[in-house]
Amino acid sequence: MKKSGLEKQKAMKLTGKMKQAGASAPFGQDAAAPLDRRDQRKLDQALGLVPFAVKLHSDLVAQLQALAQARSTGMNQVVAELLTKALADQTLSG
């Protein structure tokens, strides 16, 4: 085998080891492994969460993202809070 072939094989071996090790957690954070999709879906179902996809204008999405960032929460939490409040207001006025 040529030297270039050996170097290529070493590089592939090193790349494989790096992928297996995974990304290290940022400093000061726990190194908890993220859940795979199946486990996350089971946790969501146990909490009574249902996926709900909608299409919104980009300016509205930008406002939601800014609000979520300002509150340091996730989009799901912000949207759920706003929908709950709007539906409660609708029920009271209707």
Foldseek 3Di string as FASTA:
>chain_A
DDPVVVVVVVVVVVVVVVVVVDDADPPPDDRDDDDDPVVVVVVCVVVVHDDDDDDDDPVVVVVLVVVCVVVVHDSVVSVVVVVVVVVVVVVVVD
